[in-house]
């Protein structure tokens, strides 16, 4: 598209966008970022725009961060200054880091990821437009983006005439009801209000990976602020109830057990139960998860 700055004959515009998602799927973005800058031939920034989504409670235009880039070269000194200005603007002028109870990651993760987007923008500009000073083998793959194409798959099944009607394509009995929207699911029903009539649950997710789960600190929930909370559940409760063998895939746990490796951010470690949905979500956001640090080379389930 056209440059938002108009563009002079002795300048050019570069733009980069970033979307940081969960490892397991490419649906919900933890952080969205768009940076655009007008640069002179000597790589001095004339003006820029810095926009973030997910880092704060709404889409944010980092004005002071963009102003700090004006009349500076994209080098390590200006990078350090820009990151410092960005963090102060985020905390003092943009309402602070996102504190939504629906977050699957920590605020520290959001801040470091946002800073990394700015860092990758600096790398991109230098490798593309100052290759003599910053050759590709020096910067490595730091400015590259990981392509995420549309996922697709195909499976073919034959019909065994000796096993009919098994293996034959038979329409699902409830297909029309579900496709038409007439089928009723749990979310379509109103939960009865009042003490003891209906409860709501909110899952608690791991906000770190490449580490082991030490414990889930349920005592971190402020019961005075959330009197509607009636309980919680984790892997120990599922073991005590002998659940897991009858309705789960073999080897798949409902909640991650203490001591097991956290394979990715967003692994479910427990659930808070309350008499209202709002209280369950708010209390789940207060749960503190303790981890056991592992070496960067350690991975997989153990």
C-alpha atoms as a PDB file:
ATOM      1  CA  UNK A   1       0.000   0.000   0.000  1.00  0.00           C
ATOM      2  CA  UNK A   2       0.956   3.670  -0.055  1.00  0.00           C
ATOM      3  CA  UNK A   3       3.244   5.147   2.542  1.00  0.00           C
ATOM      4  CA  UNK A   4       1.400   6.981   5.338  1.00  0.00           C
ATOM      5  CA  UNK A   5       4.116   9.640   5.250  1.00  0.00           C
ATOM      6  CA  UNK A   6       3.860  10.766   1.632  1.00  0.00           C
ATOM      7  CA  UNK A   7       7.561  10.058   1.046  1.00  0.00           C
ATOM      8  CA  UNK A   8      10.261  12.374  -0.265  1.00  0.00           C
ATOM      9  CA  UNK A   9      12.472  11.602  -3.245  1.00  0.00           C
ATOM     10  CA  UNK A  10      15.513  11.006  -1.011  1.00  0.00           C
ATOM     11  CA  UNK A  11      13.771   8.657   1.420  1.00  0.00           C
ATOM     12  CA  UNK A  12      12.039   5.283   1.462  1.00  0.00           C
ATOM     13  CA  UNK A  13       9.549   3.482   3.701  1.00  0.00           C
ATOM     14  CA  UNK A  14       9.850   0.054   5.324  1.00  0.00           C
ATOM     15  CA  UNK A  15       7.102  -1.774   7.181  1.00  0.00           C
ATOM     16  CA  UNK A  16       6.942  -4.973   9.206  1.00  0.00           C
ATOM     17  CA  UNK A  17       4.075  -6.780  10.886  1.00  0.00           C
ATOM     18  CA  UNK A  18       4.266  -9.546  13.475  1.00  0.00           C
ATOM     19  CA  UNK A  19       1.804 -12.058  14.889  1.00  0.00           C
ATOM     20  CA  UNK A  20       2.933 -14.167  17.852  1.00  0.00           C
ATOM     21  CA  UNK A  21       0.627 -17.122  18.486  1.00  0.00           C
ATOM     22  CA  UNK A  22       0.449 -20.215  20.646  1.00  0.00           C
ATOM     23  CA  UNK A  23       2.690 -23.031  19.526  1.00  0.00           C
ATOM     24  CA  UNK A  24      -0.138 -25.513  19.337  1.00  0.00           C
ATOM     25  CA  UNK A  25      -2.321 -23.490  16.973  1.00  0.00           C
ATOM     26  CA  UNK A  26      -2.395 -20.384  14.803  1.00  0.00           C
ATOM     27  CA  UNK A  27      -5.780 -19.047  15.887  1.00  0.00           C
ATOM     28  CA  UNK A  28      -5.383 -16.587  18.745  1.00  0.00           C
ATOM     29  CA  UNK A  29      -2.473 -14.124  18.754  1.00  0.00           C
ATOM     30  CA  UNK A  30      -0.797 -13.234  22.032  1.00  0.00           C
ATOM     31  CA  UNK A  31       0.791 -10.162  20.416  1.00  0.00           C
ATOM     32  CA  UNK A  32       0.156  -8.327  17.150  1.00  0.00           C
ATOM     33  CA  UNK A  33       2.555  -5.613  16.038  1.00  0.00           C
ATOM     34  CA  UNK A  34       2.966  -3.261  13.069  1.00  0.00           C
ATOM     35  CA  UNK A  35       5.938  -0.938  12.602  1.00  0.00           C
ATOM     36  CA  UNK A  36       6.476   1.438   9.679  1.00  0.00           C
ATOM     37  CA  UNK A  37       9.214   4.035   9.265  1.00  0.00           C
ATOM     38  CA  UNK A  38      10.357   6.557   6.683  1.00  0.00           C
ATOM     39  CA  UNK A  39      14.151   6.476   6.428  1.00  0.00           C
ATOM     40  CA  UNK A  40      16.734   8.571   4.664  1.00  0.00           C
ATOM     41  CA  UNK A  41      19.361   7.020   2.412  1.00  0.00           C
ATOM     42  CA  UNK A  42      21.739   6.917   5.397  1.00  0.00           C
ATOM     43  CA  UNK A  43      19.175   4.925   7.450  1.00  0.00           C
ATOM     44  CA  UNK A  44      18.168   7.858   9.653  1.00  0.00           C
ATOM     45  CA  UNK A  45      14.530   7.689  10.734  1.00  0.00           C
ATOM     46  CA  UNK A  46      12.463  10.697   9.663  1.00  0.00           C
ATOM     47  CA  UNK A  47       9.165   9.549  11.137  1.00  0.00           C
ATOM     48  CA  UNK A  48       7.524   6.309  12.173  1.00  0.00           C
ATOM     49  CA  UNK A  49       4.434   4.575  13.557  1.00  0.00           C
ATOM     50  CA  UNK A  50       4.390   1.798  16.178  1.00  0.00           C
ATOM     51  CA  UNK A  51       1.113  -0.075  16.790  1.00  0.00           C
ATOM     52  CA  UNK A  52       0.554  -3.018  19.149  1.00  0.00           C
ATOM     53  CA  UNK A  53      -2.367  -5.312  19.875  1.00  0.00           C
ATOM     54  CA  UNK A  54      -2.655  -7.682  22.820  1.00  0.00           C
ATOM     55  CA  UNK A  55       0.065  -6.001  24.888  1.00  0.00           C
ATOM     56  CA  UNK A  56      -2.410  -3.612  26.511  1.00  0.00           C
ATOM     57  CA  UNK A  57      -6.150  -3.975  27.020  1.00  0.00           C
ATOM     58  CA  UNK A  58      -6.774  -2.403  23.602  1.00  0.00           C
ATOM     59  CA  UNK A  59      -4.937  -1.659  20.370  1.00  0.00           C
ATOM     60  CA  UNK A  60      -2.267   0.934  21.209  1.00  0.00           C
ATOM     61  CA  UNK A  61      -0.425   3.541  19.157  1.00  0.00           C
ATOM     62  CA  UNK A  62       2.957   4.061  20.860  1.00  0.00           C
ATOM     63  CA  UNK A  63       3.430   7.756  20.080  1.00  0.00           C
ATOM     64  CA  UNK A  64       6.369   8.428  22.403  1.00  0.00           C
ATOM     65  CA  UNK A  65       8.169   5.337  21.146  1.00  0.00           C
ATOM     66  CA  UNK A  66       7.774   6.535  17.558  1.00  0.00           C
ATOM     67  CA  UNK A  67       8.939  10.044  18.519  1.00  0.00           C
ATOM     68  CA  UNK A  68      12.057   8.599  20.157  1.00  0.00           C
ATOM     69  CA  UNK A  69      13.060   7.087  16.814  1.00  0.00           C
ATOM     70  CA  UNK A  70      12.935  10.421  14.970  1.00  0.00           C
ATOM     71  CA  UNK A  71      16.314  11.645  13.688  1.00  0.00           C
ATOM     72  CA  UNK A  72      18.126   8.514  14.938  1.00  0.00           C
ATOM     73  CA  UNK A  73      20.016   5.783  13.146  1.00  0.00           C
ATOM     74  CA  UNK A  74      18.827   2.209  13.561  1.00  0.00           C
ATOM     75  CA  UNK A  75      21.751   0.968  15.623  1.00  0.00           C
ATOM     76  CA  UNK A  76      22.280  -0.723  18.986  1.00  0.00           C
ATOM     77  CA  UNK A  77      22.358   2.573  20.881  1.00  0.00           C
ATOM     78  CA  UNK A  78      19.027   3.799  19.511  1.00  0.00           C
ATOM     79  CA  UNK A  79      17.569   0.302  19.979  1.00  0.00           C
ATOM     80  CA  UNK A  80      18.349   0.325  23.706  1.00  0.00           C
ATOM     81  CA  UNK A  81      16.878   3.820  24.046  1.00  0.00           C
ATOM     82  CA  UNK A  82      13.755   2.910  22.055  1.00  0.00           C
ATOM     83  CA  UNK A  83      13.077  -0.191  24.166  1.00  0.00           C
ATOM     84  CA  UNK A  84      13.456   1.844  27.352  1.00  0.00           C
ATOM     85  CA  UNK A  85      11.044   4.512  26.105  1.00  0.00           C
ATOM     86  CA  UNK A  86       8.583   1.849  24.950  1.00  0.00           C
ATOM     87  CA  UNK A  87       8.453   0.123  28.339  1.00  0.00           C
ATOM     88  CA  UNK A  88       7.925   3.425  30.185  1.00  0.00           C
ATOM     89  CA  UNK A  89       5.212   4.509  27.742  1.00  0.00           C
ATOM     90  CA  UNK A  90       3.523   1.139  28.057  1.00  0.00           C
ATOM     91  CA  UNK A  91       3.409   1.299  31.848  1.00  0.00           C
ATOM     92  CA  UNK A  92       2.738   5.015  32.325  1.00  0.00           C
ATOM     93  CA  UNK A  93       0.770   6.240  29.297  1.00  0.00           C
ATOM     94  CA  UNK A  94      -0.966   3.260  27.656  1.00  0.00           C
ATOM     95  CA  UNK A  95      -2.739   1.878  30.713  1.00  0.00           C
ATOM     96  CA  UNK A  96      -0.206  -0.793  31.630  1.00  0.00           C
ATOM     97  CA  UNK A  97       0.281  -4.321  30.368  1.00  0.00           C
ATOM     98  CA  UNK A  98      -2.804  -6.361  29.516  1.00  0.00           C
ATOM     99  CA  UNK A  99      -4.359  -7.760  32.712  1.00  0.00           C
ATOM    100  CA  UNK A 100      -7.339  -9.577  31.204  1.00  0.00           C
ATOM    101  CA  UNK A 101      -8.291 -12.770  33.084  1.00  0.00           C
ATOM    102  CA  UNK A 102      -8.523 -14.503  29.684  1.00  0.00           C
ATOM    103  CA  UNK A 103      -4.765 -14.203  29.091  1.00  0.00           C
ATOM    104  CA  UNK A 104      -2.947 -17.478  28.544  1.00  0.00           C
ATOM    105  CA  UNK A 105       0.489 -15.924  29.118  1.00  0.00           C
ATOM    106  CA  UNK A 106       2.158 -13.730  31.714  1.00  0.00           C
ATOM    107  CA  UNK A 107       2.556  -9.956  31.494  1.00  0.00           C
ATOM    108  CA  UNK A 108       6.320 -10.477  31.445  1.00  0.00           C
ATOM    109  CA  UNK A 109       5.920 -12.609  28.324  1.00  0.00           C
ATOM    110  CA  UNK A 110       3.841  -9.906  26.595  1.00  0.00           C
ATOM    111  CA  UNK A 111       6.412  -7.207  27.354  1.00  0.00           C
ATOM    112  CA  UNK A 112       9.412  -9.240  26.212  1.00  0.00           C
ATOM    113  CA  UNK A 113       7.609 -10.352  23.038  1.00  0.00           C
ATOM    114  CA  UNK A 114       6.657  -6.769  22.152  1.00  0.00           C
ATOM    115  CA  UNK A 115      10.245  -5.647  22.641  1.00  0.00           C
ATOM    116  CA  UNK A 116      11.414  -8.497  20.448  1.00  0.00           C
ATOM    117  CA  UNK A 117       9.203  -7.216  17.609  1.00  0.00           C
ATOM    118  CA  UNK A 118      10.983  -3.848  17.745  1.00  0.00           C
ATOM    119  CA  UNK A 119      14.341  -5.634  17.827  1.00  0.00           C
ATOM    120  CA  UNK A 120      13.462  -7.688  14.741  1.00  0.00           C
ATOM    121  CA  UNK A 121      12.445  -4.491  12.942  1.00  0.00           C
ATOM    122  CA  UNK A 122      15.923  -3.055  13.568  1.00  0.00           C
ATOM    123  CA  UNK A 123      17.548  -6.261  12.292  1.00  0.00           C
ATOM    124  CA  UNK A 124      15.379  -6.270   9.170  1.00  0.00           C
ATOM    125  CA  UNK A 125      16.253  -2.678   8.271  1.00  0.00           C
ATOM    126  CA  UNK A 126      19.992  -3.161   8.734  1.00  0.00           C
ATOM    127  CA  UNK A 127      20.273  -6.467   6.912  1.00  0.00           C
ATOM    128  CA  UNK A 128      18.205  -5.262   3.951  1.00  0.00           C
ATOM    129  CA  UNK A 129      19.613  -1.765   3.565  1.00  0.00           C
ATOM    130  CA  UNK A 130      23.074  -1.884   5.153  1.00  0.00           C
ATOM    131  CA  UNK A 131      24.375  -5.303   4.047  1.00  0.00           C
ATOM    132  CA  UNK A 132      28.012  -4.149   4.009  1.00  0.00           C
ATOM    133  CA  UNK A 133      27.867  -3.214   7.699  1.00  0.00           C
ATOM    134  CA  UNK A 134      25.530  -5.983   8.796  1.00  0.00           C
ATOM    135  CA  UNK A 135      25.943  -9.054   6.527  1.00  0.00           C
ATOM    136  CA  UNK A 136      23.353 -11.806   6.664  1.00  0.00           C
ATOM    137  CA  UNK A 137      25.752 -14.305   8.243  1.00  0.00           C
ATOM    138  CA  UNK A 138      26.299 -11.889  11.144  1.00  0.00           C
ATOM    139  CA  UNK A 139      22.615 -11.340  11.903  1.00  0.00           C
ATOM    140  CA  UNK A 140      21.641 -14.932  11.212  1.00  0.00           C
ATOM    141  CA  UNK A 141      17.916 -15.657  11.067  1.00  0.00           C
ATOM    142  CA  UNK A 142      16.974 -12.996  13.617  1.00  0.00           C
ATOM    143  CA  UNK A 143      14.932 -10.887  11.201  1.00  0.00           C
ATOM    144  CA  UNK A 144      13.233 -13.777   9.414  1.00  0.00           C
ATOM    145  CA  UNK A 145       9.578 -14.649   9.964  1.00  0.00           C
ATOM    146  CA  UNK A 146       8.305 -18.192  10.322  1.00  0.00           C
ATOM    147  CA  UNK A 147       5.705 -18.775   7.589  1.00  0.00           C
ATOM    148  CA  UNK A 148       2.425 -20.250   8.793  1.00  0.00           C
ATOM    149  CA  UNK A 149       0.413 -21.438   5.834  1.00  0.00           C
ATOM    150  CA  UNK A 150      -3.163 -22.671   5.922  1.00  0.00           C
ATOM    151  CA  UNK A 151      -3.272 -26.118   7.467  1.00  0.00           C
ATOM    152  CA  UNK A 152      -4.937 -28.849   5.460  1.00  0.00           C
ATOM    153  CA  UNK A 153      -5.120 -32.620   5.355  1.00  0.00           C
ATOM    154  CA  UNK A 154      -6.642 -35.489   3.400  1.00  0.00           C
ATOM    155  CA  UNK A 155      -7.598 -38.994   4.454  1.00  0.00           C
ATOM    156  CA  UNK A 156      -9.081 -41.644   2.185  1.00  0.00           C
ATOM    157  CA  UNK A 157     -11.080 -44.628   3.431  1.00  0.00           C
ATOM    158  CA  UNK A 158     -12.207 -47.618   1.435  1.00  0.00           C
ATOM    159  CA  UNK A 159     -15.375 -49.673   1.896  1.00  0.00           C
ATOM    160  CA  UNK A 160     -15.081 -53.260   3.024  1.00  0.00           C
ATOM    161  CA  UNK A 161     -18.118 -55.029   1.545  1.00  0.00           C
ATOM    162  CA  UNK A 162     -17.682 -57.932   3.941  1.00  0.00           C
ATOM    163  CA  UNK A 163     -18.143 -55.602   6.920  1.00  0.00           C
ATOM    164  CA  UNK A 164     -21.189 -53.614   5.785  1.00  0.00           C
ATOM    165  CA  UNK A 165     -22.737 -51.475   7.136  1.00  0.00           C
ATOM    166  CA  UNK A 166     -19.461 -50.938   9.028  1.00  0.00           C
ATOM    167  CA  UNK A 167     -16.936 -48.928   6.904  1.00  0.00           C
ATOM    168  CA  UNK A 168     -19.768 -47.533   4.743  1.00  0.00           C
ATOM    169  CA  UNK A 169     -20.361 -43.718   4.706  1.00  0.00           C
ATOM    170  CA  UNK A 170     -23.500 -43.433   6.827  1.00  0.00           C
ATOM    171  CA  UNK A 171     -24.923 -39.943   7.594  1.00  0.00           C
ATOM    172  CA  UNK A 172     -24.658 -39.011  11.253  1.00  0.00           C
ATOM    173  CA  UNK A 173     -28.071 -39.149  12.891  1.00  0.00           C
ATOM    174  CA  UNK A 174     -27.669 -35.741  14.574  1.00  0.00           C
ATOM    175  CA  UNK A 175     -25.986 -34.069  11.577  1.00  0.00           C
ATOM    176  CA  UNK A 176     -29.013 -32.110  10.359  1.00  0.00           C
ATOM    177  CA  UNK A 177     -29.886 -30.997  13.877  1.00  0.00           C
ATOM    178  CA  UNK A 178     -26.360 -29.752  14.507  1.00  0.00           C
ATOM    179  CA  UNK A 179     -25.829 -28.142  11.099  1.00  0.00           C
ATOM    180  CA  UNK A 180     -29.128 -26.266  11.284  1.00  0.00           C
ATOM    181  CA  UNK A 181     -28.289 -24.759  14.671  1.00  0.00           C
ATOM    182  CA  UNK A 182     -31.231 -26.444  16.375  1.00  0.00           C
ATOM    183  CA  UNK A 183     -29.057 -28.650  18.579  1.00  0.00           C
ATOM    184  CA  UNK A 184     -28.623 -27.424  22.118  1.00  0.00           C
ATOM    185  CA  UNK A 185     -25.147 -27.375  23.658  1.00  0.00           C
ATOM    186  CA  UNK A 186     -24.082 -26.621  27.225  1.00  0.00           C
ATOM    187  CA  UNK A 187     -23.414 -22.960  26.386  1.00  0.00           C
ATOM    188  CA  UNK A 188     -26.964 -22.586  25.016  1.00  0.00           C
ATOM    189  CA  UNK A 189     -28.553 -23.332  28.376  1.00  0.00           C
ATOM    190  CA  UNK A 190     -28.828 -20.825  31.186  1.00  0.00           C
ATOM    191  CA  UNK A 191     -27.117 -22.028  34.343  1.00  0.00           C
ATOM    192  CA  UNK A 192     -29.562 -21.863  37.276  1.00  0.00           C
ATOM    193  CA  UNK A 193     -28.686 -18.986  39.592  1.00  0.00           C
ATOM    194  CA  UNK A 194     -28.507 -19.251  43.336  1.00  0.00           C
ATOM    195  CA  UNK A 195     -26.326 -21.032  45.842  1.00  0.00           C
ATOM    196  CA  UNK A 196     -25.852 -24.699  45.041  1.00  0.00           C
ATOM    197  CA  UNK A 197     -27.850 -24.567  41.796  1.00  0.00           C
ATOM    198  CA  UNK A 198     -25.121 -24.030  39.221  1.00  0.00           C
ATOM    199  CA  UNK A 199     -21.352 -23.585  39.112  1.00  0.00           C
ATOM    200  CA  UNK A 200     -18.894 -22.170  36.608  1.00  0.00           C
ATOM    201  CA  UNK A 201     -15.344 -23.308  35.945  1.00  0.00           C
ATOM    202  CA  UNK A 202     -12.339 -21.401  34.576  1.00  0.00           C
ATOM    203  CA  UNK A 203      -9.202 -23.224  33.463  1.00  0.00           C
ATOM    204  CA  UNK A 204      -5.736 -22.262  34.696  1.00  0.00           C
ATOM    205  CA  UNK A 205      -3.025 -22.332  32.027  1.00  0.00           C
ATOM    206  CA  UNK A 206       0.764 -22.586  32.239  1.00  0.00           C
ATOM    207  CA  UNK A 207       2.442 -19.341  31.130  1.00  0.00           C
ATOM    208  CA  UNK A 208       5.918 -20.843  30.653  1.00  0.00           C
ATOM    209  CA  UNK A 209       7.387 -23.750  28.688  1.00  0.00           C
ATOM    210  CA  UNK A 210      10.611 -25.772  28.524  1.00  0.00           C
ATOM    211  CA  UNK A 211      10.324 -26.171  32.271  1.00  0.00           C
ATOM    212  CA  UNK A 212       8.736 -28.583  34.730  1.00  0.00           C
ATOM    213  CA  UNK A 213       5.619 -27.924  36.773  1.00  0.00           C
ATOM    214  CA  UNK A 214       6.482 -27.731  40.464  1.00  0.00           C
ATOM    215  CA  UNK A 215       3.086 -26.923  41.962  1.00  0.00           C
ATOM    216  CA  UNK A 216      -0.093 -24.876  41.580  1.00  0.00           C
ATOM    217  CA  UNK A 217      -0.501 -22.430  44.463  1.00  0.00           C
ATOM    218  CA  UNK A 218      -4.243 -22.244  45.052  1.00  0.00           C
ATOM    219  CA  UNK A 219      -3.659 -20.251  48.245  1.00  0.00           C
ATOM    220  CA  UNK A 220      -2.785 -17.247  46.072  1.00  0.00           C
ATOM    221  CA  UNK A 221      -6.495 -16.705  45.376  1.00  0.00           C
ATOM    222  CA  UNK A 222      -7.823 -13.829  47.497  1.00  0.00           C
ATOM    223  CA  UNK A 223     -10.932 -15.411  49.028  1.00  0.00           C
ATOM    224  CA  UNK A 224     -12.056 -12.097  50.506  1.00  0.00           C
ATOM    225  CA  UNK A 225     -12.209 -10.580  47.011  1.00  0.00           C
ATOM    226  CA  UNK A 226     -13.782 -13.689  45.507  1.00  0.00           C
ATOM    227  CA  UNK A 227     -16.212 -15.155  48.054  1.00  0.00           C
ATOM    228  CA  UNK A 228     -18.066 -16.876  45.203  1.00  0.00           C
ATOM    229  CA  UNK A 229     -15.187 -19.331  44.717  1.00  0.00           C
ATOM    230  CA  UNK A 230     -16.218 -22.741  46.030  1.00  0.00           C
ATOM    231  CA  UNK A 231     -13.236 -24.879  45.086  1.00  0.00           C
ATOM    232  CA  UNK A 232     -10.591 -25.912  42.616  1.00  0.00           C
ATOM    233  CA  UNK A 233      -9.247 -29.036  40.912  1.00  0.00           C
ATOM    234  CA  UNK A 234      -5.893 -30.216  39.595  1.00  0.00           C
ATOM    235  CA  UNK A 235      -4.177 -33.481  38.649  1.00  0.00           C
ATOM    236  CA  UNK A 236      -4.208 -34.729  42.247  1.00  0.00           C
ATOM    237  CA  UNK A 237      -7.997 -34.511  42.387  1.00  0.00           C
ATOM    238  CA  UNK A 238      -8.377 -36.415  39.124  1.00  0.00           C
ATOM    239  CA  UNK A 239      -6.107 -39.173  40.459  1.00  0.00           C
ATOM    240  CA  UNK A 240      -8.092 -39.370  43.703  1.00  0.00           C
ATOM    241  CA  UNK A 241     -11.327 -39.756  41.744  1.00  0.00           C
ATOM    242  CA  UNK A 242      -9.774 -42.438  39.484  1.00  0.00           C
ATOM    243  CA  UNK A 243     -10.654 -40.363  36.438  1.00  0.00           C
ATOM    244  CA  UNK A 244      -8.751 -40.423  33.187  1.00  0.00           C
ATOM    245  CA  UNK A 245      -8.890 -44.049  32.049  1.00  0.00           C
ATOM    246  CA  UNK A 246     -12.485 -44.141  30.916  1.00  0.00           C
ATOM    247  CA  UNK A 247     -12.947 -41.007  28.853  1.00  0.00           C
ATOM    248  CA  UNK A 248      -9.471 -39.777  27.846  1.00  0.00           C
ATOM    249  CA  UNK A 249      -7.020 -40.939  25.213  1.00  0.00           C
ATOM    250  CA  UNK A 250      -4.440 -43.271  26.790  1.00  0.00           C
ATOM    251  CA  UNK A 251      -1.486 -41.219  28.005  1.00  0.00           C
ATOM    252  CA  UNK A 252      -3.444 -37.941  27.879  1.00  0.00           C
ATOM    253  CA  UNK A 253      -3.941 -36.209  31.222  1.00  0.00           C
ATOM    254  CA  UNK A 254      -6.825 -33.873  31.962  1.00  0.00           C
ATOM    255  CA  UNK A 255      -4.499 -31.625  34.016  1.00  0.00           C
ATOM    256  CA  UNK A 256      -0.704 -31.555  33.930  1.00  0.00           C
ATOM    257  CA  UNK A 257       0.841 -33.365  36.896  1.00  0.00           C
ATOM    258  CA  UNK A 258       3.551 -31.880  39.120  1.00  0.00           C
ATOM    259  CA  UNK A 259       7.023 -32.796  37.949  1.00  0.00           C
ATOM    260  CA  UNK A 260       6.000 -33.204  34.307  1.00  0.00           C
ATOM    261  CA  UNK A 261       7.492 -31.151  31.475  1.00  0.00           C
ATOM    262  CA  UNK A 262       5.439 -28.128  30.310  1.00  0.00           C
ATOM    263  CA  UNK A 263       5.470 -28.737  26.559  1.00  0.00           C
ATOM    264  CA  UNK A 264       4.078 -25.351  25.540  1.00  0.00           C
ATOM    265  CA  UNK A 265       2.472 -22.184  26.896  1.00  0.00           C
ATOM    266  CA  UNK A 266      -1.212 -22.839  27.500  1.00  0.00           C
ATOM    267  CA  UNK A 267      -1.034 -26.329  29.021  1.00  0.00           C
ATOM    268  CA  UNK A 268      -3.966 -26.772  31.429  1.00  0.00           C
ATOM    269  CA  UNK A 269      -2.821 -27.269  35.033  1.00  0.00           C
ATOM    270  CA  UNK A 270      -6.121 -26.907  36.898  1.00  0.00           C
ATOM    271  CA  UNK A 271      -9.514 -25.281  37.183  1.00  0.00           C
ATOM    272  CA  UNK A 272     -11.225 -22.831  39.552  1.00  0.00           C
ATOM    273  CA  UNK A 273     -14.906 -23.375  40.346  1.00  0.00           C
ATOM    274  CA  UNK A 274     -17.205 -20.526  41.440  1.00  0.00           C
ATOM    275  CA  UNK A 275     -20.867 -19.630  41.570  1.00  0.00           C
ATOM    276  CA  UNK A 276     -20.425 -16.983  38.834  1.00  0.00           C
ATOM    277  CA  UNK A 277     -18.446 -17.011  35.601  1.00  0.00           C
ATOM    278  CA  UNK A 278     -16.830 -13.645  36.369  1.00  0.00           C
ATOM    279  CA  UNK A 279     -15.580 -14.790  39.777  1.00  0.00           C
ATOM    280  CA  UNK A 280     -14.158 -18.013  38.330  1.00  0.00           C
ATOM    281  CA  UNK A 281     -12.198 -16.123  35.677  1.00  0.00           C
ATOM    282  CA  UNK A 282     -10.922 -13.466  38.071  1.00  0.00           C
ATOM    283  CA  UNK A 283      -9.799 -16.057  40.611  1.00  0.00           C
ATOM    284  CA  UNK A 284      -8.103 -18.189  37.951  1.00  0.00           C
ATOM    285  CA  UNK A 285      -6.063 -15.151  36.911  1.00  0.00           C
ATOM    286  CA  UNK A 286      -4.692 -14.871  40.476  1.00  0.00           C
ATOM    287  CA  UNK A 287      -3.404 -18.444  40.680  1.00  0.00           C
ATOM    288  CA  UNK A 288       0.390 -18.582  40.984  1.00  0.00           C
ATOM    289  CA  UNK A 289       2.175 -21.442  39.220  1.00  0.00           C
ATOM    290  CA  UNK A 290       5.609 -22.557  40.421  1.00  0.00           C
ATOM    291  CA  UNK A 291       8.074 -24.107  37.999  1.00  0.00           C
ATOM    292  CA  UNK A 292      11.327 -26.061  38.128  1.00  0.00           C
ATOM    293  CA  UNK A 293      13.843 -24.534  35.723  1.00  0.00           C
ATOM    294  CA  UNK A 294      15.359 -26.917  33.192  1.00  0.00           C
ATOM    295  CA  UNK A 295      18.269 -26.631  30.787  1.00  0.00           C
ATOM    296  CA  UNK A 296      17.455 -25.276  27.351  1.00  0.00           C
ATOM    297  CA  UNK A 297      18.325 -28.672  25.813  1.00  0.00           C
ATOM    298  CA  UNK A 298      15.790 -30.606  27.883  1.00  0.00           C
ATOM    299  CA  UNK A 299      12.463 -31.333  26.233  1.00  0.00           C
ATOM    300  CA  UNK A 300       9.670 -33.830  25.809  1.00  0.00           C
ATOM    301  CA  UNK A 301       7.664 -35.608  28.462  1.00  0.00           C
ATOM    302  CA  UNK A 302       9.386 -37.380  31.280  1.00  0.00           C
END
